[in-house]
Protein backbone atom coordinates (compact mmCIF):
# COMPACT_ATOMS: atom_id res chain seq x y z
CA MET A 1 -167.47 -7.67 -62.59
CA LEU A 2 -167.46 -11.42 -61.61
CA ARG A 3 -166.06 -12.33 -58.01
CA ASP A 4 -163.63 -14.81 -58.21
CA ASP A 5 -163.89 -18.10 -56.61
CA SER A 6 -162.37 -17.12 -53.23
CA SER A 7 -164.71 -14.01 -52.76
CA GLN A 8 -167.58 -16.43 -53.21
CA ASN A 9 -166.23 -18.91 -50.79
CA ASP A 10 -165.63 -16.24 -48.42
CA LEU A 11 -169.01 -14.96 -48.54
CA PHE A 12 -170.48 -18.55 -48.41
CA ARG A 13 -168.27 -19.10 -45.33
CA SER A 14 -169.31 -15.77 -43.70
CA MET A 15 -173.18 -16.64 -44.35
CA SER A 16 -172.89 -20.21 -43.05
CA GLU A 17 -171.23 -18.34 -39.80
CA TYR A 18 -173.84 -16.01 -39.60
CA VAL A 19 -176.75 -18.36 -39.73
CA ALA A 20 -175.05 -20.70 -37.17
CA SER A 21 -174.86 -17.66 -34.80
CA ILE A 22 -178.55 -17.05 -34.80
CA PRO A 23 -179.68 -18.15 -31.38
CA PRO A 24 -181.74 -21.18 -31.51
CA TRP A 25 -185.05 -19.58 -30.32
CA GLU A 26 -185.08 -17.34 -33.47
CA LYS A 27 -183.98 -20.24 -36.11
CA VAL A 28 -186.47 -22.13 -37.77
CA SER A 29 -185.81 -26.13 -37.77
CA ASP A 30 -183.49 -27.60 -40.10
CA ALA A 31 -186.54 -29.08 -42.24
CA SER A 32 -188.12 -25.69 -42.44
CA TYR A 33 -184.92 -24.03 -43.11
CA PHE A 34 -184.32 -26.42 -46.55
CA THR A 35 -187.97 -26.18 -47.34
CA ARG A 36 -187.51 -22.14 -47.43
CA LEU A 37 -184.36 -22.40 -49.56
CA GLU A 38 -185.55 -24.84 -51.97
CA ALA A 39 -188.68 -22.31 -52.54
CA CYS A 40 -186.33 -19.35 -52.89
CA SER A 41 -184.18 -21.38 -55.17
CA ALA A 42 -187.29 -21.77 -57.64
CA CYS A 43 -187.75 -18.32 -57.40
CA ALA A 44 -187.32 -15.78 -60.69
CA ASN A 45 -186.43 -12.88 -57.89
CA ILE A 46 -183.35 -14.37 -56.56
CA ILE A 47 -180.27 -13.73 -58.21
CA SER A 48 -176.66 -15.04 -56.83
CA GLY A 49 -178.37 -15.73 -53.39
CA ILE A 50 -179.99 -12.26 -52.89
CA CYS A 51 -183.48 -11.56 -53.45
CA ARG A 52 -184.20 -8.83 -55.96
CA ILE A 53 -187.69 -7.68 -54.03
CA CYS A 54 -186.07 -6.84 -50.59
CA GLY A 55 -182.19 -7.12 -51.16
CA CYS A 56 -181.40 -9.88 -48.41
CA TYR A 57 -179.34 -13.16 -48.54
CA VAL A 58 -181.91 -15.57 -48.75
CA GLU A 59 -179.92 -17.88 -46.20
CA SER A 60 -180.16 -15.24 -43.51
CA ARG A 61 -183.87 -14.65 -44.13
CA ALA A 62 -184.99 -18.42 -44.61
CA ALA A 63 -183.14 -18.89 -41.33
CA LYS A 64 -185.19 -16.73 -38.91
CA ARG A 65 -188.54 -17.70 -37.63
CA ARG A 66 -190.30 -14.48 -37.76
CA MET A 67 -189.01 -13.84 -41.50
CA ALA A 68 -191.45 -14.22 -44.28
CA CYS A 69 -191.04 -14.58 -48.10
CA PRO A 70 -191.44 -10.90 -49.19
CA ASP A 71 -192.96 -11.78 -52.68
CA VAL A 72 -196.60 -11.41 -53.24
CA PRO A 73 -198.00 -14.13 -52.80
CA SER A 74 -195.51 -15.40 -50.00
CA LYS A 75 -193.78 -18.49 -50.94
CA TRP A 76 -193.35 -19.40 -47.25
CA ALA A 77 -194.82 -17.65 -44.23
CA ALA A 78 -193.08 -16.71 -40.72
CA ASP A 79 -193.48 -19.19 -37.90
CA ALA A 80 -195.14 -17.77 -34.84
């Protein structure tokens, strides 16, 4: 079943709000976030923003310092 545009917009808005709510000490820099998302966007395991390996929304995973790409080999590492 295909989602309509309003459902996709709602999901995008919710994800953006969630990422914005992550405390600063748990988030990567904006540059790291966009680098991670760029790696995810080129990955064959991503479908509609969801990782087929772990089931996460990549926007959420990419924003968190202690998270790493679940692929083997990992496309990006966790920050210390």
